[in-house]
Amino acid sequence: MTESPDQPQQQPQPAAPGRISRLLTKTGQQIKARSLPVWWPVPVCALLGTMCGVSYGVLKTPQYAATSYAVAVPAKGTEPNAALGYAQAYGRITTSDSTLAYARVAAGVPPKALRTQVSTQTSPDSPMIAITGTAAKPAAAADIANAVAEAVLVSSNHISKNTGVKLLVFSRAIAPAEPVSPSVPLSAAVGGSTGGLIGGLALLVRPRRPRRTASVPAPSTANANANANANANAERELV
């Protein structure tokens, strides 16, 4: 038999929205509990740290460093220890305003920016001064170091007759071949290690999940009555 076209067709009953939402919530919780292990912060943070390190290594402008050396030489009749003391003093005035103002012309850098691109090192055992210049180009780094060293030599030798110590250039700076800034692999390794360490710390300080204890079912009424009757019979037998 074929159904007549006038006979109404039965429409499917829509599912209850509350049941579907509860089912989806329960399923999502089960998937989350099964797919995410307890130690998931460690690899995630390590991966994010590696990505940050690679981005830093790629986007960061390479920095080059060149070093010029000057040595303090005592004049005839001056104690050798005096040269060591003046070397320490000249090392402190290397980044002074007067020295940088004199060196800015040869370095081609304003004094304010030149202050951030020059560093000095002195030794308590040697009258040697190391003047290091940093820049984005190798030749610029060497020019900065040599210009500042020349400025210190000029200012110190003006008073060499009074101090009895003369400053001489021991070694001029040359353009470096490789940058001193970290490479991309090194930045990635540092970022990954830092991220893994942060993930481990987060794993240690996070609140622990409460332990689940198995619930002991309460004794049924029938068992309780049977135990009570057994106890009563035992007492009567003893009496």
C-alpha atoms as a PDB file:
ATOM      1  CA  MET A   1       0.000   0.000   0.000  1.00  0.00           C
ATOM      2  CA  THR A   2       1.143   3.504  -0.757  1.00  0.00           C
ATOM      3  CA  GLU A   3       0.531   6.418   1.509  1.00  0.00           C
ATOM      4  CA  SER A   4      -1.825   9.047   0.256  1.00  0.00           C
ATOM      5  CA  PRO A   5      -0.339  12.483  -0.277  1.00  0.00           C
ATOM      6  CA  ASP A   6      -2.869  14.009   2.075  1.00  0.00           C
ATOM      7  CA  GLN A   7      -1.765  11.872   5.047  1.00  0.00           C
ATOM      8  CA  PRO A   8       0.482  13.941   7.347  1.00  0.00           C
ATOM      9  CA  GLN A   9       4.013  12.599   7.885  1.00  0.00           C
ATOM     10  CA  GLN A  10       5.407  12.227  11.397  1.00  0.00           C
ATOM     11  CA  GLN A  11       8.193  14.743  12.246  1.00  0.00           C
ATOM     12  CA  PRO A  12      11.197  13.538  14.293  1.00  0.00           C
ATOM     13  CA  GLN A  13      11.165  14.622  17.918  1.00  0.00           C
ATOM     14  CA  PRO A  14      13.937  17.080  18.733  1.00  0.00           C
ATOM     15  CA  ALA A  15      16.300  15.979  21.451  1.00  0.00           C
ATOM     16  CA  ALA A  16      16.172  17.763  24.731  1.00  0.00           C
ATOM     17  CA  PRO A  17      18.701  20.629  24.730  1.00  0.00           C
ATOM     18  CA  GLY A  18      19.711  19.997  28.323  1.00  0.00           C
ATOM     19  CA  ARG A  19      20.632  16.389  27.625  1.00  0.00           C
ATOM     20  CA  ILE A  20      22.771  17.328  24.614  1.00  0.00           C
ATOM     21  CA  SER A  21      24.649  20.022  26.523  1.00  0.00           C
ATOM     22  CA  ARG A  22      25.338  17.653  29.420  1.00  0.00           C
ATOM     23  CA  LEU A  23      26.554  15.005  27.003  1.00  0.00           C
ATOM     24  CA  LEU A  24      28.873  17.429  25.208  1.00  0.00           C
ATOM     25  CA  THR A  25      30.254  18.755  28.495  1.00  0.00           C
ATOM     26  CA  LYS A  26      30.933  15.271  29.811  1.00  0.00           C
ATOM     27  CA  THR A  27      32.568  14.208  26.534  1.00  0.00           C
ATOM     28  CA  GLY A  28      34.763  17.314  26.473  1.00  0.00           C
ATOM     29  CA  GLN A  29      35.885  16.732  30.048  1.00  0.00           C
ATOM     30  CA  GLN A  30      36.755  13.119  29.294  1.00  0.00           C
ATOM     31  CA  ILE A  31      38.758  14.095  26.185  1.00  0.00           C
ATOM     32  CA  LYS A  32      40.594  16.814  28.094  1.00  0.00           C
ATOM     33  CA  ALA A  33      41.393  14.506  30.989  1.00  0.00           C
ATOM     34  CA  ARG A  34      42.716  11.809  28.662  1.00  0.00           C
ATOM     35  CA  SER A  35      44.626  13.987  26.146  1.00  0.00           C
ATOM     36  CA  LEU A  36      46.452  16.317  28.565  1.00  0.00           C
ATOM     37  CA  PRO A  37      48.995  14.615  30.844  1.00  0.00           C
ATOM     38  CA  VAL A  38      50.090  16.116  34.125  1.00  0.00           C
ATOM     39  CA  TRP A  39      53.435  17.356  32.757  1.00  0.00           C
ATOM     40  CA  TRP A  40      51.987  19.206  29.741  1.00  0.00           C
ATOM     41  CA  PRO A  41      53.255  22.714  30.847  1.00  0.00           C
ATOM     42  CA  VAL A  42      56.905  21.656  30.378  1.00  0.00           C
ATOM     43  CA  PRO A  43      56.856  20.861  26.615  1.00  0.00           C
ATOM     44  CA  VAL A  44      54.428  23.682  25.855  1.00  0.00           C
ATOM     45  CA  CYS A  45      56.573  26.310  27.607  1.00  0.00           C
ATOM     46  CA  ALA A  46      59.744  24.863  26.049  1.00  0.00           C
ATOM     47  CA  LEU A  47      58.187  25.129  22.586  1.00  0.00           C
ATOM     48  CA  LEU A  48      57.065  28.713  23.194  1.00  0.00           C
ATOM     49  CA  GLY A  49      60.511  29.632  24.521  1.00  0.00           C
ATOM     50  CA  THR A  50      62.194  28.112  21.468  1.00  0.00           C
ATOM     51  CA  MET A  51      59.920  30.087  19.147  1.00  0.00           C
ATOM     52  CA  CYS A  52      60.692  33.303  21.033  1.00  0.00           C
ATOM     53  CA  GLY A  53      64.422  32.580  20.876  1.00  0.00           C
ATOM     54  CA  VAL A  54      64.314  31.946  17.131  1.00  0.00           C
ATOM     55  CA  SER A  55      62.340  35.160  16.588  1.00  0.00           C
ATOM     56  CA  TYR A  56      64.846  37.135  18.655  1.00  0.00           C
ATOM     57  CA  GLY A  57      67.807  35.681  16.777  1.00  0.00           C
ATOM     58  CA  VAL A  58      66.249  36.438  13.389  1.00  0.00           C
ATOM     59  CA  LEU A  59      64.926  39.942  14.130  1.00  0.00           C
ATOM     60  CA  LYS A  60      67.752  41.226  16.353  1.00  0.00           C
ATOM     61  CA  THR A  61      70.348  43.334  14.546  1.00  0.00           C
ATOM     62  CA  PRO A  62      73.822  41.746  14.864  1.00  0.00           C
ATOM     63  CA  GLN A  63      76.257  43.618  17.095  1.00  0.00           C
ATOM     64  CA  TYR A  64      80.014  43.747  16.499  1.00  0.00           C
ATOM     65  CA  ALA A  65      82.692  44.587  19.080  1.00  0.00           C
ATOM     66  CA  ALA A  66      86.255  45.827  18.559  1.00  0.00           C
ATOM     67  CA  THR A  67      88.825  46.500  21.297  1.00  0.00           C
ATOM     68  CA  SER A  68      91.716  48.935  21.412  1.00  0.00           C
ATOM     69  CA  TYR A  69      94.438  48.661  24.084  1.00  0.00           C
ATOM     70  CA  ALA A  70      96.410  51.465  25.747  1.00  0.00           C
ATOM     71  CA  VAL A  71      99.216  51.096  28.275  1.00  0.00           C
ATOM     72  CA  ALA A  72     100.487  53.524  30.920  1.00  0.00           C
ATOM     73  CA  VAL A  73     104.282  53.881  30.865  1.00  0.00           C
ATOM     74  CA  PRO A  74     106.158  55.572  33.740  1.00  0.00           C
ATOM     75  CA  ALA A  75     108.730  58.196  32.862  1.00  0.00           C
ATOM     76  CA  LYS A  76     112.352  58.017  33.953  1.00  0.00           C
ATOM     77  CA  GLY A  77     112.607  58.384  37.690  1.00  0.00           C
ATOM     78  CA  THR A  78     108.924  57.545  38.332  1.00  0.00           C
ATOM     79  CA  GLU A  79     107.942  54.554  40.407  1.00  0.00           C
ATOM     80  CA  PRO A  80     106.432  51.671  38.411  1.00  0.00           C
ATOM     81  CA  ASN A  81     103.449  51.470  40.745  1.00  0.00           C
ATOM     82  CA  ALA A  82     102.450  54.978  39.703  1.00  0.00           C
ATOM     83  CA  ALA A  83     101.708  53.752  36.176  1.00  0.00           C
ATOM     84  CA  LEU A  84      99.338  51.143  37.573  1.00  0.00           C
ATOM     85  CA  GLY A  85      97.423  53.736  39.584  1.00  0.00           C
ATOM     86  CA  TYR A  86      97.147  56.175  36.663  1.00  0.00           C
ATOM     87  CA  ALA A  87      95.950  53.381  34.374  1.00  0.00           C
ATOM     88  CA  GLN A  88      93.035  52.825  36.753  1.00  0.00           C
ATOM     89  CA  ALA A  89      92.274  56.542  36.763  1.00  0.00           C
ATOM     90  CA  TYR A  90      92.453  56.903  32.980  1.00  0.00           C
ATOM     91  CA  GLY A  91      90.162  53.917  32.612  1.00  0.00           C
ATOM     92  CA  ARG A  92      87.514  55.727  34.679  1.00  0.00           C
ATOM     93  CA  ILE A  93      87.611  58.922  32.594  1.00  0.00           C
ATOM     94  CA  THR A  94      87.317  57.042  29.299  1.00  0.00           C
ATOM     95  CA  THR A  95      83.532  57.470  29.276  1.00  0.00           C
ATOM     96  CA  SER A  96      83.532  61.007  30.707  1.00  0.00           C
ATOM     97  CA  ASP A  97      81.787  63.852  28.899  1.00  0.00           C
ATOM     98  CA  SER A  98      85.020  65.586  27.875  1.00  0.00           C
ATOM     99  CA  THR A  99      86.538  62.407  26.416  1.00  0.00           C
ATOM    100  CA  LEU A 100      83.402  61.485  24.458  1.00  0.00           C
ATOM    101  CA  ALA A 101      82.967  65.061  23.206  1.00  0.00           C
ATOM    102  CA  TYR A 102      86.483  64.918  21.758  1.00  0.00           C
ATOM    103  CA  ALA A 103      85.978  61.428  20.269  1.00  0.00           C
ATOM    104  CA  ARG A 104      82.575  62.031  18.678  1.00  0.00           C
ATOM    105  CA  VAL A 105      84.037  63.651  15.562  1.00  0.00           C
ATOM    106  CA  ALA A 106      86.354  60.764  14.705  1.00  0.00           C
ATOM    107  CA  ALA A 107      83.757  58.163  15.725  1.00  0.00           C
ATOM    108  CA  GLY A 108      80.907  59.835  13.850  1.00  0.00           C
ATOM    109  CA  VAL A 109      78.501  59.178  16.729  1.00  0.00           C
ATOM    110  CA  PRO A 110      76.808  61.722  19.050  1.00  0.00           C
ATOM    111  CA  PRO A 111      78.140  61.740  22.633  1.00  0.00           C
ATOM    112  CA  LYS A 112      74.850  60.488  24.108  1.00  0.00           C
ATOM    113  CA  ALA A 113      74.796  57.455  21.810  1.00  0.00           C
ATOM    114  CA  LEU A 114      78.555  57.000  22.084  1.00  0.00           C
ATOM    115  CA  ARG A 115      78.265  56.515  25.854  1.00  0.00           C
ATOM    116  CA  THR A 116      76.159  53.378  25.334  1.00  0.00           C
ATOM    117  CA  GLN A 117      78.575  51.968  22.736  1.00  0.00           C
ATOM    118  CA  VAL A 118      81.825  52.216  24.713  1.00  0.00           C
ATOM    119  CA  SER A 119      83.043  50.135  27.650  1.00  0.00           C
ATOM    120  CA  THR A 120      86.423  49.931  29.369  1.00  0.00           C
ATOM    121  CA  GLN A 121      88.247  47.345  31.435  1.00  0.00           C
ATOM    122  CA  THR A 122      91.323  47.698  33.613  1.00  0.00           C
ATOM    123  CA  SER A 123      93.393  45.182  35.525  1.00  0.00           C
ATOM    124  CA  PRO A 124      94.686  45.622  39.091  1.00  0.00           C
ATOM    125  CA  ASP A 125      97.890  43.792  38.110  1.00  0.00           C
ATOM    126  CA  SER A 126      98.696  45.470  34.783  1.00  0.00           C
ATOM    127  CA  PRO A 127      98.743  49.130  33.619  1.00  0.00           C
ATOM    128  CA  MET A 128      96.660  48.177  30.584  1.00  0.00           C
ATOM    129  CA  ILE A 129      93.362  49.744  29.495  1.00  0.00           C
ATOM    130  CA  ALA A 130      90.991  47.878  27.162  1.00  0.00           C
ATOM    131  CA  ILE A 131      88.558  50.142  25.301  1.00  0.00           C
ATOM    132  CA  THR A 132      85.758  48.292  23.485  1.00  0.00           C
ATOM    133  CA  GLY A 133      83.401  49.798  20.948  1.00  0.00           C
ATOM    134  CA  THR A 134      80.183  48.143  19.771  1.00  0.00           C
ATOM    135  CA  ALA A 135      78.137  48.913  16.669  1.00  0.00           C
ATOM    136  CA  ALA A 136      75.930  47.288  14.057  1.00  0.00           C
ATOM    137  CA  LYS A 137      78.821  47.337  11.530  1.00  0.00           C
ATOM    138  CA  PRO A 138      82.346  45.953  12.067  1.00  0.00           C
ATOM    139  CA  ALA A 139      84.143  49.047  10.761  1.00  0.00           C
ATOM    140  CA  ALA A 140      82.031  51.350  12.923  1.00  0.00           C
ATOM    141  CA  ALA A 141      82.890  49.358  16.040  1.00  0.00           C
ATOM    142  CA  ALA A 142      86.622  49.660  15.310  1.00  0.00           C
ATOM    143  CA  ASP A 143      86.330  53.399  14.608  1.00  0.00           C
ATOM    144  CA  ILE A 144      84.571  53.979  17.934  1.00  0.00           C
ATOM    145  CA  ALA A 145      87.203  52.092  19.936  1.00  0.00           C
ATOM    146  CA  ASN A 146      90.113  53.844  18.213  1.00  0.00           C
ATOM    147  CA  ALA A 147      88.507  57.294  18.502  1.00  0.00           C
ATOM    148  CA  VAL A 148      87.910  56.970  22.242  1.00  0.00           C
ATOM    149  CA  ALA A 149      91.412  55.564  22.806  1.00  0.00           C
ATOM    150  CA  GLU A 150      92.907  58.514  20.912  1.00  0.00           C
ATOM    151  CA  ALA A 151      90.870  60.957  22.984  1.00  0.00           C
ATOM    152  CA  VAL A 152      92.126  59.426  26.241  1.00  0.00           C
ATOM    153  CA  LEU A 153      95.713  59.551  24.987  1.00  0.00           C
ATOM    154  CA  VAL A 154      95.459  63.234  24.091  1.00  0.00           C
ATOM    155  CA  SER A 155      93.902  64.270  27.411  1.00  0.00           C
ATOM    156  CA  SER A 156      96.309  62.206  29.529  1.00  0.00           C
ATOM    157  CA  ASN A 157      99.497  63.192  27.718  1.00  0.00           C
ATOM    158  CA  HIS A 158      98.728  66.885  28.229  1.00  0.00           C
ATOM    159  CA  ILE A 159      99.572  66.410  31.897  1.00  0.00           C
ATOM    160  CA  SER A 160     102.232  63.707  31.524  1.00  0.00           C
ATOM    161  CA  LYS A 161     104.965  66.146  32.646  1.00  0.00           C
ATOM    162  CA  ASN A 162     103.177  66.605  35.960  1.00  0.00           C
ATOM    163  CA  THR A 163     102.153  62.977  36.517  1.00  0.00           C
ATOM    164  CA  GLY A 164     105.321  61.333  35.232  1.00  0.00           C
ATOM    165  CA  VAL A 165     103.185  58.738  33.381  1.00  0.00           C
ATOM    166  CA  LYS A 166     102.551  58.665  29.662  1.00  0.00           C
ATOM    167  CA  LEU A 167      99.787  56.749  27.906  1.00  0.00           C
ATOM    168  CA  LEU A 168     100.683  54.907  24.699  1.00  0.00           C
ATOM    169  CA  VAL A 169      98.655  52.899  22.186  1.00  0.00           C
ATOM    170  CA  PHE A 170      99.482  49.232  22.671  1.00  0.00           C
ATOM    171  CA  SER A 171      97.156  47.815  19.984  1.00  0.00           C
ATOM    172  CA  ARG A 172      94.640  49.506  17.719  1.00  0.00           C
ATOM    173  CA  ALA A 173      91.206  47.996  17.154  1.00  0.00           C
ATOM    174  CA  ILE A 174      90.451  46.245  13.873  1.00  0.00           C
ATOM    175  CA  ALA A 175      87.112  45.381  12.300  1.00  0.00           C
ATOM    176  CA  PRO A 176      85.850  42.060  13.730  1.00  0.00           C
ATOM    177  CA  ALA A 177      84.887  39.215  11.432  1.00  0.00           C
ATOM    178  CA  GLU A 178      82.004  37.783  13.493  1.00  0.00           C
ATOM    179  CA  PRO A 179      79.325  39.430  15.632  1.00  0.00           C
ATOM    180  CA  VAL A 180      79.212  39.082  19.391  1.00  0.00           C
ATOM    181  CA  SER A 181      75.414  38.893  19.533  1.00  0.00           C
ATOM    182  CA  PRO A 182      73.944  35.372  19.935  1.00  0.00           C
ATOM    183  CA  SER A 183      73.200  33.400  16.770  1.00  0.00           C
ATOM    184  CA  VAL A 184      69.820  31.880  15.897  1.00  0.00           C
ATOM    185  CA  PRO A 185      70.666  28.340  17.170  1.00  0.00           C
ATOM    186  CA  LEU A 186      72.037  29.740  20.410  1.00  0.00           C
ATOM    187  CA  SER A 187      68.993  31.973  20.892  1.00  0.00           C
ATOM    188  CA  ALA A 188      66.693  29.014  20.231  1.00  0.00           C
ATOM    189  CA  ALA A 189      68.567  26.842  22.742  1.00  0.00           C
ATOM    190  CA  VAL A 190      68.471  29.546  25.423  1.00  0.00           C
ATOM    191  CA  GLY A 191      64.787  30.231  24.788  1.00  0.00           C
ATOM    192  CA  GLY A 192      63.881  26.531  24.902  1.00  0.00           C
ATOM    193  CA  SER A 193      65.814  25.975  28.124  1.00  0.00           C
ATOM    194  CA  THR A 194      64.241  29.022  29.752  1.00  0.00           C
ATOM    195  CA  GLY A 195      60.763  27.976  28.658  1.00  0.00           C
ATOM    196  CA  GLY A 196      61.265  24.431  29.952  1.00  0.00           C
ATOM    197  CA  LEU A 197      62.474  25.803  33.289  1.00  0.00           C
ATOM    198  CA  ILE A 198      59.413  28.053  33.573  1.00  0.00           C
ATOM    199  CA  GLY A 199      57.141  25.120  32.722  1.00  0.00           C
ATOM    200  CA  GLY A 200      58.798  22.993  35.385  1.00  0.00           C
ATOM    201  CA  LEU A 201      58.369  25.721  37.994  1.00  0.00           C
ATOM    202  CA  ALA A 202      54.719  26.121  37.026  1.00  0.00           C
ATOM    203  CA  LEU A 203      54.300  22.373  37.392  1.00  0.00           C
ATOM    204  CA  LEU A 204      55.764  22.476  40.898  1.00  0.00           C
ATOM    205  CA  VAL A 205      53.743  25.400  42.244  1.00  0.00           C
ATOM    206  CA  ARG A 206      50.356  24.504  40.808  1.00  0.00           C
ATOM    207  CA  PRO A 207      47.768  23.088  43.243  1.00  0.00           C
ATOM    208  CA  ARG A 208      47.693  19.324  43.437  1.00  0.00           C
ATOM    209  CA  ARG A 209      44.595  17.348  42.589  1.00  0.00           C
ATOM    210  CA  PRO A 210      42.834  15.763  45.578  1.00  0.00           C
ATOM    211  CA  ARG A 211      43.207  12.022  45.794  1.00  0.00           C
ATOM    212  CA  ARG A 212      40.134   9.965  45.148  1.00  0.00           C
ATOM    213  CA  THR A 213      39.132   7.616  47.954  1.00  0.00           C
ATOM    214  CA  ALA A 214      36.951   4.607  47.384  1.00  0.00           C
ATOM    215  CA  SER A 215      33.587   4.967  49.122  1.00  0.00           C
ATOM    216  CA  VAL A 216      32.557   2.038  51.334  1.00  0.00           C
ATOM    217  CA  PRO A 217      28.880   1.182  50.889  1.00  0.00           C
ATOM    218  CA  ALA A 218      26.738   1.371  54.005  1.00  0.00           C
ATOM    219  CA  PRO A 219      25.473  -1.967  55.382  1.00  0.00           C
ATOM    220  CA  SER A 220      21.965  -2.853  54.340  1.00  0.00           C
ATOM    221  CA  THR A 221      19.117  -3.039  56.815  1.00  0.00           C
ATOM    222  CA  ALA A 222      18.763  -6.813  56.441  1.00  0.00           C
ATOM    223  CA  ASN A 223      22.419  -7.380  57.257  1.00  0.00           C
ATOM    224  CA  ALA A 224      22.178  -5.071  60.239  1.00  0.00           C
ATOM    225  CA  ASN A 225      19.145  -6.932  61.635  1.00  0.00           C
ATOM    226  CA  ALA A 226      20.845 -10.308  61.077  1.00  0.00           C
ATOM    227  CA  ASN A 227      23.928  -9.126  62.936  1.00  0.00           C
ATOM    228  CA  ALA A 228      21.809  -7.800  65.792  1.00  0.00           C
ATOM    229  CA  ASN A 229      19.896 -11.133  66.122  1.00  0.00           C
ATOM    230  CA  ALA A 230      23.156 -13.103  66.063  1.00  0.00           C
ATOM    231  CA  ASN A 231      24.576 -10.923  68.829  1.00  0.00           C
ATOM    232  CA  ALA A 232      21.380 -11.356  70.914  1.00  0.00           C
ATOM    233  CA  ASN A 233      21.438 -15.158  70.525  1.00  0.00           C
ATOM    234  CA  ALA A 234      25.059 -15.283  71.505  1.00  0.00           C
ATOM    235  CA  GLU A 235      24.354 -13.288  74.671  1.00  0.00           C
ATOM    236  CA  ARG A 236      21.460 -15.606  75.644  1.00  0.00           C
ATOM    237  CA  GLU A 237      23.614 -18.697  75.202  1.00  0.00           C
ATOM    238  CA  LEU A 238      26.265 -17.184  77.435  1.00  0.00           C
ATOM    239  CA  VAL A 239      23.690 -16.440  80.126  1.00  0.00           C
END
